[in-house]
Amino acid sequence: MSFGSLILFLLVLYLLFSVGKSILQNYYSNKDIRDQEKTIVKLKSDIVYLQAQIAYYKTNSFRDKQARAKLGYKAPAEKVISLPRDESEDKIADPIEKEIEIKTPNYRLWWLYFTN
């Protein structure tokens, strides 16, 4: 190889390296752009959802619902009925059956267990 062909080879190698590097940077930047666009779409949908929630929280039906649930208020023409709690759920069942007494001594039961 002559000196000129060596320089030409190194120049082509350098150009290939720089072109490959710029292609790789372009790929990563396009990937970041796609990810950011997906994030923007998600955030826009979150904004729409939150605006709908804010609009609901400003309605009178939400205020009435919260007043009834948290403060115990009622509408003027509304009748409130209070039912007693089920007491059967609160009670613990008393043991009805007593423990059955074993008439055979324990050492005898062990003897039967090992010998049979």
PDB file of N, CA and C in Angstrom:
ATOM      1  N   MET A   1       0.844  -1.175   0.000  1.00  0.00           N
ATOM      2  CA  MET A   1       0.000   0.000   0.000  1.00  0.00           C
ATOM      3  C   MET A   1       0.890   1.240   0.000  1.00  0.00           C
ATOM      4  N   SER A   2       0.426   2.166  -0.742  1.00  0.00           N
ATOM      5  CA  SER A   2       1.190   3.411  -0.796  1.00  0.00           C
ATOM      6  C   SER A   2       0.641   4.371   0.251  1.00  0.00           C
ATOM      7  N   PHE A   3       1.344   5.418   0.432  1.00  0.00           N
ATOM      8  CA  PHE A   3       0.977   6.409   1.433  1.00  0.00           C
ATOM      9  C   PHE A   3      -0.358   7.068   1.089  1.00  0.00           C
ATOM     10  N   GLY A   4      -0.637   7.346  -0.152  1.00  0.00           N
ATOM     11  CA  GLY A   4      -1.877   7.979  -0.597  1.00  0.00           C
ATOM     12  C   GLY A   4      -3.081   7.077  -0.364  1.00  0.00           C
ATOM     13  N   SER A   5      -2.927   5.783  -0.654  1.00  0.00           N
ATOM     14  CA  SER A   5      -4.041   4.862  -0.441  1.00  0.00           C
ATOM     15  C   SER A   5      -4.305   4.667   1.057  1.00  0.00           C
ATOM     16  N   LEU A   6      -3.272   4.741   1.891  1.00  0.00           N
ATOM     17  CA  LEU A   6      -3.434   4.652   3.339  1.00  0.00           C
ATOM     18  C   LEU A   6      -4.227   5.850   3.859  1.00  0.00           C
ATOM     19  N   ILE A   7      -3.893   7.037   3.359  1.00  0.00           N
ATOM     20  CA  ILE A   7      -4.612   8.243   3.771  1.00  0.00           C
ATOM     21  C   ILE A   7      -6.064   8.170   3.283  1.00  0.00           C
ATOM     22  N   LEU A   8      -6.280   7.705   2.090  1.00  0.00           N
ATOM     23  CA  LEU A   8      -7.632   7.560   1.553  1.00  0.00           C
ATOM     24  C   LEU A   8      -8.426   6.546   2.369  1.00  0.00           C
ATOM     25  N   PHE A   9      -7.800   5.454   2.767  1.00  0.00           N
ATOM     26  CA  PHE A   9      -8.452   4.445   3.596  1.00  0.00           C
ATOM     27  C   PHE A   9      -8.841   5.024   4.956  1.00  0.00           C
ATOM     28  N   LEU A  10      -7.950   5.764   5.594  1.00  0.00           N
ATOM     29  CA  LEU A  10      -8.229   6.375   6.893  1.00  0.00           C
ATOM     30  C   LEU A  10      -9.327   7.431   6.766  1.00  0.00           C
ATOM     31  N   LEU A  11      -9.333   8.180   5.647  1.00  0.00           N
ATOM     32  CA  LEU A  11     -10.358   9.189   5.430  1.00  0.00           C
ATOM     33  C   LEU A  11     -11.735   8.534   5.270  1.00  0.00           C
ATOM     34  N   VAL A  12     -11.814   7.441   4.509  1.00  0.00           N
ATOM     35  CA  VAL A  12     -13.073   6.714   4.340  1.00  0.00           C
ATOM     36  C   VAL A  12     -13.520   6.119   5.666  1.00  0.00           C
ATOM     37  N   LEU A  13     -12.605   5.567   6.434  1.00  0.00           N
ATOM     38  CA  LEU A  13     -12.923   5.010   7.745  1.00  0.00           C
ATOM     39  C   LEU A  13     -13.460   6.090   8.679  1.00  0.00           C
ATOM     40  N   TYR A  14     -12.839   7.268   8.669  1.00  0.00           N
ATOM     41  CA  TYR A  14     -13.287   8.384   9.500  1.00  0.00           C
ATOM     42  C   TYR A  14     -14.681   8.840   9.066  1.00  0.00           C
ATOM     43  N   LEU A  15     -14.930   8.924   7.771  1.00  0.00           N
ATOM     44  CA  LEU A  15     -16.240   9.340   7.275  1.00  0.00           C
ATOM     45  C   LEU A  15     -17.319   8.323   7.657  1.00  0.00           C
ATOM     46  N   LEU A  16     -17.009   7.038   7.535  1.00  0.00           N
ATOM     47  CA  LEU A  16     -17.965   6.007   7.936  1.00  0.00           C
ATOM     48  C   LEU A  16     -18.284   6.098   9.431  1.00  0.00           C
ATOM     49  N   PHE A  17     -17.267   6.334  10.223  1.00  0.00           N
ATOM     50  CA  PHE A  17     -17.459   6.461  11.660  1.00  0.00           C
ATOM     51  C   PHE A  17     -18.337   7.666  11.985  1.00  0.00           C
ATOM     52  N   SER A  18     -18.062   8.815  11.377  1.00  0.00           N
ATOM     53  CA  SER A  18     -18.832  10.023  11.675  1.00  0.00           C
ATOM     54  C   SER A  18     -20.273   9.899  11.159  1.00  0.00           C
ATOM     55  N   VAL A  19     -20.462   9.280   9.995  1.00  0.00           N
ATOM     56  CA  VAL A  19     -21.818   9.081   9.480  1.00  0.00           C
ATOM     57  C   VAL A  19     -22.579   8.115  10.388  1.00  0.00           C
ATOM     58  N   GLY A  20     -21.961   7.058  10.830  1.00  0.00           N
ATOM     59  CA  GLY A  20     -22.603   6.104  11.749  1.00  0.00           C
ATOM     60  C   GLY A  20     -22.965   6.758  13.062  1.00  0.00           C
ATOM     61  N   LYS A  21     -22.077   7.605  13.554  1.00  0.00           N
ATOM     62  CA  LYS A  21     -22.349   8.297  14.807  1.00  0.00           C
ATOM     63  C   LYS A  21     -23.532   9.242  14.651  1.00  0.00           C
ATOM     64  N   SER A  22     -23.601   9.982  13.540  1.00  0.00           N
ATOM     65  CA  SER A  22     -24.716  10.906  13.333  1.00  0.00           C
ATOM     66  C   SER A  22     -26.031  10.141  13.125  1.00  0.00           C
ATOM     67  N   ILE A  23     -25.993   8.979  12.471  1.00  0.00           N
ATOM     68  CA  ILE A  23     -27.202   8.163  12.306  1.00  0.00           C
ATOM     69  C   ILE A  23     -27.688   7.662  13.658  1.00  0.00           C
ATOM     70  N   LEU A  24     -26.771   7.245  14.506  1.00  0.00           N
ATOM     71  CA  LEU A  24     -27.139   6.780  15.846  1.00  0.00           C
ATOM     72  C   LEU A  24     -27.737   7.912  16.677  1.00  0.00           C
ATOM     73  N   GLN A  25     -27.139   9.091  16.618  1.00  0.00           N
ATOM     74  CA  GLN A  25     -27.689  10.236  17.347  1.00  0.00           C
ATOM     75  C   GLN A  25     -29.079  10.593  16.817  1.00  0.00           C
ATOM     76  N   ASN A  26     -29.269  10.522  15.517  1.00  0.00           N
ATOM     77  CA  ASN A  26     -30.563  10.809  14.913  1.00  0.00           C
ATOM     78  C   ASN A  26     -31.611   9.795  15.388  1.00  0.00           C
ATOM     79  N   TYR A  27     -31.228   8.531  15.456  1.00  0.00           N
ATOM     80  CA  TYR A  27     -32.146   7.493  15.925  1.00  0.00           C
ATOM     81  C   TYR A  27     -32.582   7.756  17.356  1.00  0.00           C
ATOM     82  N   TYR A  28     -31.626   8.048  18.234  1.00  0.00           N
ATOM     83  CA  TYR A  28     -31.962   8.291  19.637  1.00  0.00           C
ATOM     84  C   TYR A  28     -32.794   9.556  19.806  1.00  0.00           C
ATOM     85  N   SER A  29     -32.502  10.595  19.047  1.00  0.00           N
ATOM     86  CA  SER A  29     -33.296  11.819  19.167  1.00  0.00           C
ATOM     87  C   SER A  29     -34.726  11.586  18.672  1.00  0.00           C
ATOM     88  N   ASN A  30     -34.902  10.809  17.592  1.00  0.00           N
ATOM     89  CA  ASN A  30     -36.249  10.489  17.121  1.00  0.00           C
ATOM     90  C   ASN A  30     -37.005   9.636  18.136  1.00  0.00           C
ATOM     91  N   LYS A  31     -36.279   8.736  18.784  1.00  0.00           N
ATOM     92  CA  LYS A  31     -36.908   7.913  19.818  1.00  0.00           C
ATOM     93  C   LYS A  31     -37.354   8.783  20.989  1.00  0.00           C
ATOM     94  N   ASP A  32     -36.531   9.727  21.402  1.00  0.00           N
ATOM     95  CA  ASP A  32     -36.905  10.641  22.484  1.00  0.00           C
ATOM     96  C   ASP A  32     -38.102  11.492  22.086  1.00  0.00           C
ATOM     97  N   ILE A  33     -38.150  11.924  20.827  1.00  0.00           N
ATOM     98  CA  ILE A  33     -39.281  12.720  20.351  1.00  0.00           C
ATOM     99  C   ILE A  33     -40.569  11.902  20.418  1.00  0.00           C
ATOM    100  N   ARG A  34     -40.524  10.645  20.001  1.00  0.00           N
ATOM    101  CA  ARG A  34     -41.711   9.778  20.065  1.00  0.00           C
ATOM    102  C   ARG A  34     -42.159   9.579  21.509  1.00  0.00           C
ATOM    103  N   ASP A  35     -41.202   9.375  22.402  1.00  0.00           N
ATOM    104  CA  ASP A  35     -41.550   9.197  23.817  1.00  0.00           C
ATOM    105  C   ASP A  35     -42.188  10.466  24.382  1.00  0.00           C
ATOM    106  N   GLN A  36     -41.648  11.623  24.018  1.00  0.00           N
ATOM    107  CA  GLN A  36     -42.201  12.885  24.505  1.00  0.00           C
ATOM    108  C   GLN A  36     -43.596  13.124  23.936  1.00  0.00           C
ATOM    109  N   GLU A  37     -43.826  12.735  22.690  1.00  0.00           N
ATOM    110  CA  GLU A  37     -45.158  12.881  22.103  1.00  0.00           C
ATOM    111  C   GLU A  37     -46.168  11.983  22.809  1.00  0.00           C
ATOM    112  N   LYS A  38     -45.748  10.760  23.167  1.00  0.00           N
ATOM    113  CA  LYS A  38     -46.633   9.876  23.927  1.00  0.00           C
ATOM    114  C   LYS A  38     -46.952  10.485  25.286  1.00  0.00           C
ATOM    115  N   THR A  39     -45.957  11.077  25.918  1.00  0.00           N
ATOM    116  CA  THR A  39     -46.166  11.717  27.217  1.00  0.00           C
ATOM    117  C   THR A  39     -47.126  12.891  27.083  1.00  0.00           C
ATOM    118  N   ILE A  40     -46.994  13.655  26.013  1.00  0.00           N
ATOM    119  CA  ILE A  40     -47.881  14.790  25.788  1.00  0.00           C
ATOM    120  C   ILE A  40     -49.320  14.324  25.616  1.00  0.00           C
ATOM    121  N   VAL A  41     -49.519  13.254  24.855  1.00  0.00           N
ATOM    122  CA  VAL A  41     -50.868  12.724  24.651  1.00  0.00           C
ATOM    123  C   VAL A  41     -51.463  12.263  25.977  1.00  0.00           C
ATOM    124  N   LYS A  42     -50.665  11.577  26.787  1.00  0.00           N
ATOM    125  CA  LYS A  42     -51.145  11.102  28.086  1.00  0.00           C
ATOM    126  C   LYS A  42     -51.483  12.280  28.995  1.00  0.00           C
ATOM    127  N   LEU A  43     -50.640  13.294  29.012  1.00  0.00           N
ATOM    128  CA  LEU A  43     -50.901  14.456  29.853  1.00  0.00           C
ATOM    129  C   LEU A  43     -52.141  15.209  29.389  1.00  0.00           C
ATOM    130  N   LYS A  44     -52.369  15.278  28.087  1.00  0.00           N
ATOM    131  CA  LYS A  44     -53.580  15.939  27.585  1.00  0.00           C
ATOM    132  C   LYS A  44     -54.823  15.177  28.020  1.00  0.00           C
ATOM    133  N   SER A  45     -54.764  13.849  27.987  1.00  0.00           N
ATOM    134  CA  SER A  45     -55.916  13.073  28.447  1.00  0.00           C
ATOM    135  C   SER A  45     -56.115  13.244  29.956  1.00  0.00           C
ATOM    136  N   ASP A  46     -55.023  13.349  30.709  1.00  0.00           N
ATOM    137  CA  ASP A  46     -55.135  13.606  32.151  1.00  0.00           C
ATOM    138  C   ASP A  46     -55.767  14.968  32.408  1.00  0.00           C
ATOM    139  N   ILE A  47     -55.409  15.967  31.594  1.00  0.00           N
ATOM    140  CA  ILE A  47     -55.980  17.306  31.749  1.00  0.00           C
ATOM    141  C   ILE A  47     -57.481  17.273  31.494  1.00  0.00           C
ATOM    142  N   VAL A  48     -57.888  16.565  30.452  1.00  0.00           N
ATOM    143  CA  VAL A  48     -59.326  16.458  30.148  1.00  0.00           C
ATOM    144  C   VAL A  48     -60.054  15.777  31.308  1.00  0.00           C
ATOM    145  N   TYR A  49     -59.483  14.709  31.839  1.00  0.00           N
ATOM    146  CA  TYR A  49     -60.097  13.999  32.958  1.00  0.00           C
ATOM    147  C   TYR A  49     -60.200  14.905  34.190  1.00  0.00           C
ATOM    148  N   LEU A  50     -59.134  15.625  34.489  1.00  0.00           N
ATOM    149  CA  LEU A  50     -59.144  16.496  35.667  1.00  0.00           C
ATOM    150  C   LEU A  50     -60.112  17.666  35.488  1.00  0.00           C
ATOM    151  N   GLN A  51     -60.233  18.179  34.263  1.00  0.00           N
ATOM    152  CA  GLN A  51     -61.199  19.242  34.023  1.00  0.00           C
ATOM    153  C   GLN A  51     -62.626  18.726  34.214  1.00  0.00           C
ATOM    154  N   ALA A  52     -62.882  17.499  33.798  1.00  0.00           N
ATOM    155  CA  ALA A  52     -64.204  16.908  34.013  1.00  0.00           C
ATOM    156  C   ALA A  52     -64.476  16.733  35.503  1.00  0.00           C
ATOM    157  N   GLN A  53     -63.467  16.340  36.261  1.00  0.00           N
ATOM    158  CA  GLN A  53     -63.640  16.197  37.710  1.00  0.00           C
ATOM    159  C   GLN A  53     -63.909  17.551  38.364  1.00  0.00           C
ATOM    160  N   ILE A  54     -63.188  18.571  37.930  1.00  0.00           N
ATOM    161  CA  ILE A  54     -63.400  19.909  38.486  1.00  0.00           C
ATOM    162  C   ILE A  54     -64.816  20.381  38.179  1.00  0.00           C
ATOM    163  N   ALA A  55     -65.259  20.137  36.958  1.00  0.00           N
ATOM    164  CA  ALA A  55     -66.624  20.530  36.591  1.00  0.00           C
ATOM    165  C   ALA A  55     -67.642  19.779  37.449  1.00  0.00           C
ATOM    166  N   TYR A  56     -67.401  18.505  37.735  1.00  0.00           N
ATOM    167  CA  TYR A  56     -68.307  17.733  38.582  1.00  0.00           C
ATOM    168  C   TYR A  56     -68.288  18.256  40.012  1.00  0.00           C
ATOM    169  N   TYR A  57     -67.121  18.603  40.519  1.00  0.00           N
ATOM    170  CA  TYR A  57     -67.023  19.094  41.886  1.00  0.00           C
ATOM    171  C   TYR A  57     -67.713  20.442  42.062  1.00  0.00           C
ATOM    172  N   LYS A  58     -67.919  21.173  40.981  1.00  0.00           N
ATOM    173  CA  LYS A  58     -68.599  22.468  41.062  1.00  0.00           C
ATOM    174  C   LYS A  58     -70.118  22.334  40.982  1.00  0.00           C
ATOM    175  N   THR A  59     -70.624  21.152  40.684  1.00  0.00           N
ATOM    176  CA  THR A  59     -72.070  20.978  40.540  1.00  0.00           C
ATOM    177  C   THR A  59     -72.759  20.908  41.894  1.00  0.00           C
ATOM    178  N   ASN A  60     -74.040  21.226  41.872  1.00  0.00           N
ATOM    179  CA  ASN A  60     -74.834  21.168  43.111  1.00  0.00           C
ATOM    180  C   ASN A  60     -75.059  19.729  43.562  1.00  0.00           C
ATOM    181  N   SER A  61     -75.132  18.796  42.619  1.00  0.00           N
ATOM    182  CA  SER A  61     -75.350  17.402  43.020  1.00  0.00           C
ATOM    183  C   SER A  61     -74.171  16.880  43.844  1.00  0.00           C
ATOM    184  N   PHE A  62     -72.953  17.285  43.489  1.00  0.00           N
ATOM    185  CA  PHE A  62     -71.793  16.855  44.285  1.00  0.00           C
ATOM    186  C   PHE A  62     -71.850  17.475  45.671  1.00  0.00           C
ATOM    187  N   ARG A  63     -72.201  18.747  45.737  1.00  0.00           N
ATOM    188  CA  ARG A  63     -72.284  19.417  47.038  1.00  0.00           C
ATOM    189  C   ARG A  63     -73.345  18.750  47.918  1.00  0.00           C
ATOM    190  N   ASP A  64     -74.502  18.440  47.325  1.00  0.00           N
ATOM    191  CA  ASP A  64     -75.555  17.772  48.089  1.00  0.00           C
ATOM    192  C   ASP A  64     -75.098  16.400  48.564  1.00  0.00           C
ATOM    193  N   LYS A  65     -74.453  15.672  47.681  1.00  0.00           N
ATOM    194  CA  LYS A  65     -73.984  14.331  48.040  1.00  0.00           C
ATOM    195  C   LYS A  65     -72.981  14.389  49.191  1.00  0.00           C
ATOM    196  N   GLN A  66     -72.031  15.332  49.124  1.00  0.00           N
ATOM    197  CA  GLN A  66     -71.042  15.457  50.190  1.00  0.00           C
ATOM    198  C   GLN A  66     -71.683  15.941  51.488  1.00  0.00           C
ATOM    199  N   ALA A  67     -72.644  16.851  51.376  1.00  0.00           N
ATOM    200  CA  ALA A  67     -73.316  17.343  52.589  1.00  0.00           C
ATOM    201  C   ALA A  67     -74.079  16.211  53.270  1.00  0.00           C
ATOM    202  N   ARG A  68     -74.685  15.356  52.486  1.00  0.00           N
ATOM    203  CA  ARG A  68     -75.406  14.223  53.070  1.00  0.00           C
ATOM    204  C   ARG A  68     -74.451  13.197  53.655  1.00  0.00           C
ATOM    205  N   ALA A  69     -73.383  12.916  52.945  1.00  0.00           N
ATOM    206  CA  ALA A  69     -72.463  11.867  53.388  1.00  0.00           C
ATOM    207  C   ALA A  69     -71.635  12.305  54.592  1.00  0.00           C
ATOM    208  N   LYS A  70     -71.111  13.523  54.566  1.00  0.00           N
ATOM    209  CA  LYS A  70     -70.167  13.931  55.616  1.00  0.00           C
ATOM    210  C   LYS A  70     -70.828  14.708  56.756  1.00  0.00           C
ATOM    211  N   LEU A  71     -71.842  15.487  56.435  1.00  0.00           N
ATOM    212  CA  LEU A  71     -72.435  16.342  57.459  1.00  0.00           C
ATOM    213  C   LEU A  71     -73.799  15.863  57.941  1.00  0.00           C
ATOM    214  N   GLY A  72     -74.375  14.887  57.252  1.00  0.00           N
ATOM    215  CA  GLY A  72     -75.666  14.356  57.669  1.00  0.00           C
ATOM    216  C   GLY A  72     -76.838  15.246  57.293  1.00  0.00           C
ATOM    217  N   TYR A  73     -76.672  16.130  56.333  1.00  0.00           N
ATOM    218  CA  TYR A  73     -77.765  17.004  55.912  1.00  0.00           C
ATOM    219  C   TYR A  73     -78.782  16.228  55.100  1.00  0.00           C
ATOM    220  N   LYS A  74     -79.979  16.817  54.972  1.00  0.00           N
ATOM    221  CA  LYS A  74     -81.021  16.223  54.150  1.00  0.00           C
ATOM    222  C   LYS A  74     -81.711  17.327  53.371  1.00  0.00           C
ATOM    223  N   ALA A  75     -82.367  16.928  52.281  1.00  0.00           N
ATOM    224  CA  ALA A  75     -83.115  17.886  51.475  1.00  0.00           C
ATOM    225  C   ALA A  75     -84.394  18.268  52.222  1.00  0.00           C
ATOM    226  N   PRO A  76     -84.990  19.430  51.920  1.00  0.00           N
ATOM    227  CA  PRO A  76     -86.179  19.869  52.668  1.00  0.00           C
ATOM    228  C   PRO A  76     -87.347  18.891  52.600  1.00  0.00           C
ATOM    229  N   ALA A  77     -87.598  18.247  51.473  1.00  0.00           N
ATOM    230  CA  ALA A  77     -88.749  17.341  51.354  1.00  0.00           C
ATOM    231  C   ALA A  77     -88.352  15.882  51.580  1.00  0.00           C
ATOM    232  N   GLU A  78     -87.207  15.651  52.152  1.00  0.00           N
ATOM    233  CA  GLU A  78     -86.676  14.301  52.289  1.00  0.00           C
ATOM    234  C   GLU A  78     -86.899  13.790  53.714  1.00  0.00           C
ATOM    235  N   LYS A  79     -87.253  12.520  53.822  1.00  0.00           N
ATOM    236  CA  LYS A  79     -87.413  11.885  55.124  1.00  0.00           C
ATOM    237  C   LYS A  79     -86.242  10.929  55.332  1.00  0.00           C
ATOM    238  N   VAL A  80     -85.668  10.963  56.509  1.00  0.00           N
ATOM    239  CA  VAL A  80     -84.525  10.113  56.823  1.00  0.00           C
ATOM    240  C   VAL A  80     -84.993   9.003  57.737  1.00  0.00           C
ATOM    241  N   ILE A  81     -84.638   7.787  57.397  1.00  0.00           N
ATOM    242  CA  ILE A  81     -84.998   6.623  58.193  1.00  0.00           C
ATOM    243  C   ILE A  81     -83.712   6.028  58.757  1.00  0.00           C
ATOM    244  N   SER A  82     -83.710   5.807  60.049  1.00  0.00           N
ATOM    245  CA  SER A  82     -82.543   5.227  60.702  1.00  0.00           C
ATOM    246  C   SER A  82     -82.882   3.804  61.120  1.00  0.00           C
ATOM    247  N   LEU A  83     -82.093   2.869  60.675  1.00  0.00           N
ATOM    248  CA  LEU A  83     -82.312   1.462  61.010  1.00  0.00           C
ATOM    249  C   LEU A  83     -81.284   1.020  62.040  1.00  0.00           C
ATOM    250  N   PRO A  84     -81.709   0.182  63.003  1.00  0.00           N
ATOM    251  CA  PRO A  84     -80.735  -0.303  63.992  1.00  0.00           C
ATOM    252  C   PRO A  84     -79.775  -1.300  63.352  1.00  0.00           C
ATOM    253  N   ARG A  85     -78.640  -1.374  63.939  1.00  0.00           N
ATOM    254  CA  ARG A  85     -77.637  -2.315  63.436  1.00  0.00           C
ATOM    255  C   ARG A  85     -78.055  -3.737  63.772  1.00  0.00           C
ATOM    256  N   ASP A  86     -77.579  -4.664  62.990  1.00  0.00           N
ATOM    257  CA  ASP A  86     -77.830  -6.075  63.260  1.00  0.00           C
ATOM    258  C   ASP A  86     -76.976  -6.492  64.443  1.00  0.00           C
ATOM    259  N   GLU A  87     -77.615  -6.844  65.526  1.00  0.00           N
ATOM    260  CA  GLU A  87     -76.855  -7.203  66.718  1.00  0.00           C
ATOM    261  C   GLU A  87     -76.316  -8.620  66.652  1.00  0.00           C
ATOM    262  N   SER A  88     -76.881  -9.448  65.792  1.00  0.00           N
ATOM    263  CA  SER A  88     -76.417 -10.828  65.701  1.00  0.00           C
ATOM    264  C   SER A  88     -74.985 -10.889  65.165  1.00  0.00           C
ATOM    265  N   GLU A  89     -74.592  -9.909  64.383  1.00  0.00           N
ATOM    266  CA  GLU A  89     -73.226  -9.895  63.866  1.00  0.00           C
ATOM    267  C   GLU A  89     -72.228  -9.476  64.939  1.00  0.00           C
ATOM    268  N   ASP A  90     -72.701  -8.652  65.886  1.00  0.00           N
ATOM    269  CA  ASP A  90     -71.802  -8.142  66.916  1.00  0.00           C
ATOM    270  C   ASP A  90     -71.537  -9.152  68.022  1.00  0.00           C
ATOM    271  N   LYS A  91     -72.454 -10.075  68.224  1.00  0.00           N
ATOM    272  CA  LYS A  91     -72.299 -11.043  69.313  1.00  0.00           C
ATOM    273  C   LYS A  91     -71.357 -12.164  68.909  1.00  0.00           C
ATOM    274  N   ILE A  92     -70.670 -12.660  69.887  1.00  0.00           N
ATOM    275  CA  ILE A  92     -69.811 -13.821  69.688  1.00  0.00           C
ATOM    276  C   ILE A  92     -70.580 -15.033  70.196  1.00  0.00           C
ATOM    277  N   ALA A  93     -70.614 -16.047  69.413  1.00  0.00           N
ATOM    278  CA  ALA A  93     -71.378 -17.245  69.779  1.00  0.00           C
ATOM    279  C   ALA A  93     -70.763 -17.886  71.018  1.00  0.00           C
ATOM    280  N   ASP A  94     -71.662 -18.246  71.965  1.00  0.00           N
ATOM    281  CA  ASP A  94     -71.214 -18.937  73.175  1.00  0.00           C
ATOM    282  C   ASP A  94     -71.023 -20.409  72.846  1.00  0.00           C
ATOM    283  N   PRO A  95     -69.997 -21.000  73.400  1.00  0.00           N
ATOM    284  CA  PRO A  95     -69.807 -22.427  73.126  1.00  0.00           C
ATOM    285  C   PRO A  95     -70.928 -23.244  73.762  1.00  0.00           C
ATOM    286  N   ILE A  96     -71.670 -23.970  72.978  1.00  0.00           N
ATOM    287  CA  ILE A  96     -72.814 -24.747  73.462  1.00  0.00           C
ATOM    288  C   ILE A  96     -72.357 -26.115  73.950  1.00  0.00           C
ATOM    289  N   GLU A  97     -71.487 -26.696  73.172  1.00  0.00           N
ATOM    290  CA  GLU A  97     -71.039 -28.044  73.531  1.00  0.00           C
ATOM    291  C   GLU A  97     -69.848 -27.963  74.482  1.00  0.00           C
ATOM    292  N   LYS A  98     -69.902 -28.759  75.507  1.00  0.00           N
ATOM    293  CA  LYS A  98     -68.773 -28.849  76.422  1.00  0.00           C
ATOM    294  C   LYS A  98     -67.786 -29.853  75.866  1.00  0.00           C
ATOM    295  N   GLU A  99     -66.572 -29.701  76.284  1.00  0.00           N
ATOM    296  CA  GLU A  99     -65.569 -30.650  75.824  1.00  0.00           C
ATOM    297  C   GLU A  99     -65.911 -32.052  76.314  1.00  0.00           C
ATOM    298  N   ILE A 100     -65.730 -33.000  75.437  1.00  0.00           N
ATOM    299  CA  ILE A 100     -66.014 -34.393  75.783  1.00  0.00           C
ATOM    300  C   ILE A 100     -64.835 -34.916  76.606  1.00  0.00           C
ATOM    301  N   GLU A 101     -65.167 -35.458  77.743  1.00  0.00           N
ATOM    302  CA  GLU A 101     -64.118 -35.964  78.615  1.00  0.00           C
ATOM    303  C   GLU A 101     -63.654 -37.329  78.106  1.00  0.00           C
ATOM    304  N   ILE A 102     -62.358 -37.522  78.126  1.00  0.00           N
ATOM    305  CA  ILE A 102     -61.793 -38.790  77.691  1.00  0.00           C
ATOM    306  C   ILE A 102     -61.751 -39.716  78.902  1.00  0.00           C
ATOM    307  N   LYS A 103     -62.382 -40.852  78.741  1.00  0.00           N
ATOM    308  CA  LYS A 103     -62.446 -41.791  79.863  1.00  0.00           C
ATOM    309  C   LYS A 103     -61.218 -42.681  79.918  1.00  0.00           C
ATOM    310  N   THR A 104     -60.564 -42.869  78.782  1.00  0.00           N
ATOM    311  CA  THR A 104     -59.369 -43.693  78.757  1.00  0.00           C
ATOM    312  C   THR A 104     -58.167 -42.809  79.092  1.00  0.00           C
ATOM    313  N   PRO A 105     -57.273 -43.244  79.988  1.00  0.00           N
ATOM    314  CA  PRO A 105     -56.098 -42.439  80.333  1.00  0.00           C
ATOM    315  C   PRO A 105     -55.184 -42.236  79.115  1.00  0.00           C
ATOM    316  N   ASN A 106     -54.439 -41.172  79.171  1.00  0.00           N
ATOM    317  CA  ASN A 106     -53.595 -40.773  78.057  1.00  0.00           C
ATOM    318  C   ASN A 106     -52.488 -41.793  77.778  1.00  0.00           C
ATOM    319  N   TYR A 107     -51.871 -42.341  78.833  1.00  0.00           N
ATOM    320  CA  TYR A 107     -50.796 -43.310  78.609  1.00  0.00           C
ATOM    321  C   TYR A 107     -51.334 -44.555  77.886  1.00  0.00           C
ATOM    322  N   ARG A 108     -52.566 -44.895  78.164  1.00  0.00           N
ATOM    323  CA  ARG A 108     -53.171 -46.059  77.512  1.00  0.00           C
ATOM    324  C   ARG A 108     -53.411 -45.788  76.023  1.00  0.00           C
ATOM    325  N   LEU A 109     -53.842 -44.555  75.710  1.00  0.00           N
ATOM    326  CA  LEU A 109     -54.047 -44.177  74.314  1.00  0.00           C
ATOM    327  C   LEU A 109     -52.735 -44.207  73.539  1.00  0.00           C
ATOM    328  N   TRP A 110     -51.665 -43.749  74.168  1.00  0.00           N
ATOM    329  CA  TRP A 110     -50.365 -43.795  73.501  1.00  0.00           C
ATOM    330  C   TRP A 110     -49.932 -45.245  73.289  1.00  0.00           C
ATOM    331  N   TRP A 111     -50.156 -46.085  74.282  1.00  0.00           N
ATOM    332  CA  TRP A 111     -49.789 -47.488  74.166  1.00  0.00           C
ATOM    333  C   TRP A 111     -50.542 -48.163  72.988  1.00  0.00           C
ATOM    334  N   LEU A 112     -51.807 -47.844  72.888  1.00  0.00           N
ATOM    335  CA  LEU A 112     -52.603 -48.381  71.780  1.00  0.00           C
ATOM    336  C   LEU A 112     -52.132 -47.832  70.424  1.00  0.00           C
ATOM    337  N   TYR A 113     -51.740 -46.593  70.434  1.00  0.00           N
ATOM    338  CA  TYR A 113     -51.278 -45.952  69.201  1.00  0.00           C
ATOM    339  C   TYR A 113     -50.024 -46.631  68.669  1.00  0.00           C
ATOM    340  N   PHE A 114     -49.074 -46.913  69.549  1.00  0.00           N
ATOM    341  CA  PHE A 114     -47.808 -47.517  69.095  1.00  0.00           C
ATOM    342  C   PHE A 114     -47.902 -49.020  68.890  1.00  0.00           C
ATOM    343  N   THR A 115     -48.747 -49.707  69.610  1.00  0.00           N
ATOM    344  CA  THR A 115     -48.804 -51.157  69.476  1.00  0.00           C
ATOM    345  C   THR A 115     -49.754 -51.630  68.389  1.00  0.00           C
ATOM    346  N   ASN A 116     -50.696 -50.877  67.995  1.00  0.00           N
ATOM    347  CA  ASN A 116     -51.654 -51.331  66.944  1.00  0.00           C
ATOM    348  C   ASN A 116     -51.179 -50.912  65.632  1.00  0.00           C
TER     349      ASN A 116
END
